[in-house]
Amino acid sequence: QVQLVESGGGLVQPGGSLRLSCAASGSRFSINAMGWYRQAPGRERELVATFTVGGSTNYADTVKGRYTISRDNAKNTLYLQMNSLKPEDTAVYYCNLKSYLGPLRYDYWGQGTQVTVSS
């Protein structure tokens, strides 16, 4: 069973920075992709930044140039560096792992970490 544990959220002023971490544990298939999503109150969960299976990165237009996704494979940890934060970045941020076995895809989610951008 895969477990994803996020950390690093909190309250930050506009223009500030935070770094989120997601520690992954448990067995999974050999083809995987990890990423970050967020959900603001009253809104649907949306993609923030992801690694594809091939290792390239995708970013939502709203965070391009401000956020950076990275990973440490030795530590099984995914990161999200968030700079120049805006109030509209306020949301619960979720770590996601997609694990593939042939045509099947399994989705795993962390419990989420709150990010609040406010003065």
C-alpha atoms as a PDB file:
ATOM      1  CA  GLN A   1       0.000   0.000   0.000  1.00  0.00           C
ATOM      2  CA  VAL A   2       1.376   3.391  -0.993  1.00  0.00           C
ATOM      3  CA  GLN A   3       1.499   6.179   1.559  1.00  0.00           C
ATOM      4  CA  LEU A   4       2.093   9.816   0.725  1.00  0.00           C
ATOM      5  CA  VAL A   5       2.788  12.263   3.526  1.00  0.00           C
ATOM      6  CA  GLU A   6       2.925  15.987   2.777  1.00  0.00           C
ATOM      7  CA  SER A   7       4.546  18.636   4.922  1.00  0.00           C
ATOM      8  CA  GLY A   8       5.662  22.233   4.681  1.00  0.00           C
ATOM      9  CA  GLY A   9       2.399  24.120   4.432  1.00  0.00           C
ATOM     10  CA  GLY A  10       1.568  27.140   6.532  1.00  0.00           C
ATOM     11  CA  LEU A  11       0.732  30.818   6.597  1.00  0.00           C
ATOM     12  CA  VAL A  12       2.864  33.147   4.500  1.00  0.00           C
ATOM     13  CA  GLN A  13       2.576  36.764   3.425  1.00  0.00           C
ATOM     14  CA  PRO A  14       2.059  37.693  -0.230  1.00  0.00           C
ATOM     15  CA  GLY A  15       5.366  37.591  -2.047  1.00  0.00           C
ATOM     16  CA  GLY A  16       6.745  34.994   0.314  1.00  0.00           C
ATOM     17  CA  SER A  17       7.940  31.443  -0.289  1.00  0.00           C
ATOM     18  CA  LEU A  18       7.219  27.959   0.961  1.00  0.00           C
ATOM     19  CA  ARG A  19       8.552  24.528   0.122  1.00  0.00           C
ATOM     20  CA  LEU A  20       6.285  21.522   0.284  1.00  0.00           C
ATOM     21  CA  SER A  21       7.550  17.986   0.656  1.00  0.00           C
ATOM     22  CA  CYS A  22       5.883  14.669  -0.052  1.00  0.00           C
ATOM     23  CA  ALA A  23       7.448  11.492   1.290  1.00  0.00           C
ATOM     24  CA  ALA A  24       6.362   8.324  -0.506  1.00  0.00           C
ATOM     25  CA  SER A  25       6.506   4.848   0.955  1.00  0.00           C
ATOM     26  CA  GLY A  26       5.153   1.421   0.125  1.00  0.00           C
ATOM     27  CA  SER A  27       5.365  -0.763  -2.919  1.00  0.00           C
ATOM     28  CA  ARG A  28       4.200   0.409  -6.303  1.00  0.00           C
ATOM     29  CA  PHE A  29       4.583  -0.553  -9.930  1.00  0.00           C
ATOM     30  CA  SER A  30       7.717   0.380 -11.813  1.00  0.00           C
ATOM     31  CA  ILE A  31       6.023   3.036 -13.997  1.00  0.00           C
ATOM     32  CA  ASN A  32       5.003   6.050 -11.957  1.00  0.00           C
ATOM     33  CA  ALA A  33       4.338   9.732 -12.192  1.00  0.00           C
ATOM     34  CA  MET A  34       4.087  12.135  -9.274  1.00  0.00           C
ATOM     35  CA  GLY A  35       2.784  15.621  -8.943  1.00  0.00           C
ATOM     36  CA  TRP A  36       1.039  18.293  -6.937  1.00  0.00           C
ATOM     37  CA  TYR A  37      -2.593  19.368  -7.056  1.00  0.00           C
ATOM     38  CA  ARG A  38      -4.501  21.933  -5.041  1.00  0.00           C
ATOM     39  CA  GLN A  39      -8.056  22.641  -4.037  1.00  0.00           C
ATOM     40  CA  ALA A  40      -9.338  25.992  -2.893  1.00  0.00           C
ATOM     41  CA  PRO A  41     -12.652  26.356  -1.012  1.00  0.00           C
ATOM     42  CA  GLY A  42     -15.596  26.026  -3.369  1.00  0.00           C
ATOM     43  CA  ARG A  43     -13.417  25.009  -6.287  1.00  0.00           C
ATOM     44  CA  GLU A  44     -12.442  21.755  -7.941  1.00  0.00           C
ATOM     45  CA  ARG A  45      -9.075  20.150  -7.415  1.00  0.00           C
ATOM     46  CA  GLU A  46      -6.637  21.342 -10.044  1.00  0.00           C
ATOM     47  CA  LEU A  47      -3.231  20.348 -11.313  1.00  0.00           C
ATOM     48  CA  VAL A  48      -0.361  22.500 -10.092  1.00  0.00           C
ATOM     49  CA  ALA A  49       2.797  20.746 -11.291  1.00  0.00           C
ATOM     50  CA  THR A  50       3.654  17.202 -12.246  1.00  0.00           C
ATOM     51  CA  PHE A  51       6.379  14.962 -13.506  1.00  0.00           C
ATOM     52  CA  THR A  52       5.348  12.810 -16.436  1.00  0.00           C
ATOM     53  CA  VAL A  53       6.270   9.149 -16.691  1.00  0.00           C
ATOM     54  CA  GLY A  54       9.086  10.215 -19.006  1.00  0.00           C
ATOM     55  CA  GLY A  55      10.440  12.669 -16.457  1.00  0.00           C
ATOM     56  CA  SER A  56       9.427  15.950 -18.027  1.00  0.00           C
ATOM     57  CA  THR A  57       7.484  18.551 -16.059  1.00  0.00           C
ATOM     58  CA  ASN A  58       4.128  20.219 -16.537  1.00  0.00           C
ATOM     59  CA  TYR A  59       2.942  23.347 -14.768  1.00  0.00           C
ATOM     60  CA  ALA A  60      -0.373  25.109 -14.549  1.00  0.00           C
ATOM     61  CA  ASP A  61      -0.218  28.459 -16.323  1.00  0.00           C
ATOM     62  CA  THR A  62      -1.057  30.217 -13.072  1.00  0.00           C
ATOM     63  CA  VAL A  63       2.133  29.012 -11.386  1.00  0.00           C
ATOM     64  CA  LYS A  64       4.653  28.965 -14.253  1.00  0.00           C
ATOM     65  CA  GLY A  65       7.761  30.896 -13.377  1.00  0.00           C
ATOM     66  CA  ARG A  66       6.907  30.915  -9.667  1.00  0.00           C
ATOM     67  CA  TYR A  67       6.741  27.249  -8.708  1.00  0.00           C
ATOM     68  CA  THR A  68       9.325  24.529  -9.229  1.00  0.00           C
ATOM     69  CA  ILE A  69       8.699  20.807  -8.861  1.00  0.00           C
ATOM     70  CA  SER A  70      11.626  18.570  -8.029  1.00  0.00           C
ATOM     71  CA  ARG A  71      12.327  15.172  -6.555  1.00  0.00           C
ATOM     72  CA  ASP A  72      14.950  13.195  -4.716  1.00  0.00           C
ATOM     73  CA  ASN A  73      14.639   9.591  -5.884  1.00  0.00           C
ATOM     74  CA  ALA A  74      17.028   8.328  -3.232  1.00  0.00           C
ATOM     75  CA  LYS A  75      14.741   9.702  -0.533  1.00  0.00           C
ATOM     76  CA  ASN A  76      11.480   8.905  -2.380  1.00  0.00           C
ATOM     77  CA  THR A  77      10.508  12.516  -1.826  1.00  0.00           C
ATOM     78  CA  LEU A  78       8.780  15.039  -4.058  1.00  0.00           C
ATOM     79  CA  TYR A  79       9.111  18.781  -3.534  1.00  0.00           C
ATOM     80  CA  LEU A  80       7.309  21.913  -4.583  1.00  0.00           C
ATOM     81  CA  GLN A  81       9.152  25.210  -4.215  1.00  0.00           C
ATOM     82  CA  MET A  82       6.648  28.043  -4.259  1.00  0.00           C
ATOM     83  CA  ASN A  83       7.896  31.609  -4.691  1.00  0.00           C
ATOM     84  CA  SER A  84       6.163  34.946  -5.137  1.00  0.00           C
ATOM     85  CA  LEU A  85       3.066  33.566  -3.503  1.00  0.00           C
ATOM     86  CA  LYS A  86      -0.263  35.295  -4.056  1.00  0.00           C
ATOM     87  CA  PRO A  87      -3.491  35.194  -2.043  1.00  0.00           C
ATOM     88  CA  GLU A  88      -5.080  33.203  -4.862  1.00  0.00           C
ATOM     89  CA  ASP A  89      -2.562  30.425  -4.220  1.00  0.00           C
ATOM     90  CA  THR A  90      -4.343  29.718  -0.955  1.00  0.00           C
ATOM     91  CA  ALA A  91      -5.541  26.112  -1.029  1.00  0.00           C
ATOM     92  CA  VAL A  92      -5.006  22.637   0.317  1.00  0.00           C
ATOM     93  CA  TYR A  93      -2.134  21.144  -1.623  1.00  0.00           C
ATOM     94  CA  TYR A  94      -2.143  17.420  -2.343  1.00  0.00           C
ATOM     95  CA  CYS A  95       0.597  15.079  -3.430  1.00  0.00           C
ATOM     96  CA  ASN A  96      -0.425  12.552  -6.074  1.00  0.00           C
ATOM     97  CA  LEU A  97       1.155   9.351  -7.321  1.00  0.00           C
ATOM     98  CA  LYS A  98      -0.046   7.621 -10.467  1.00  0.00           C
ATOM     99  CA  SER A  99       1.170   4.055 -10.773  1.00  0.00           C
ATOM    100  CA  TYR A 100       0.737   2.180 -14.044  1.00  0.00           C
ATOM    101  CA  LEU A 101       0.446  -1.523 -14.784  1.00  0.00           C
ATOM    102  CA  GLY A 102      -0.286  -2.036 -18.446  1.00  0.00           C
ATOM    103  CA  PRO A 103      -3.599  -0.302 -19.191  1.00  0.00           C
ATOM    104  CA  LEU A 104      -4.409   0.093 -15.505  1.00  0.00           C
ATOM    105  CA  ARG A 105      -3.703   3.226 -13.524  1.00  0.00           C
ATOM    106  CA  TYR A 106      -3.800   3.498  -9.766  1.00  0.00           C
ATOM    107  CA  ASP A 107      -4.095   6.904  -8.095  1.00  0.00           C
ATOM    108  CA  TYR A 108      -2.821   7.623  -4.621  1.00  0.00           C
ATOM    109  CA  TRP A 109      -3.276  10.839  -2.666  1.00  0.00           C
ATOM    110  CA  GLY A 110      -1.742  12.344   0.400  1.00  0.00           C
ATOM    111  CA  GLN A 111      -3.804  13.882   3.175  1.00  0.00           C
ATOM    112  CA  GLY A 112      -3.100  17.415   1.995  1.00  0.00           C
ATOM    113  CA  THR A 113      -1.333  20.387   3.526  1.00  0.00           C
ATOM    114  CA  GLN A 114      -2.863  23.828   3.928  1.00  0.00           C
ATOM    115  CA  VAL A 115      -1.176  26.808   2.312  1.00  0.00           C
ATOM    116  CA  THR A 116      -2.562  30.204   3.259  1.00  0.00           C
ATOM    117  CA  VAL A 117      -1.260  33.382   1.653  1.00  0.00           C
ATOM    118  CA  SER A 118      -2.441  36.410   3.541  1.00  0.00           C
ATOM    119  CA  SER A 119      -1.156  39.623   5.061  1.00  0.00           C
END
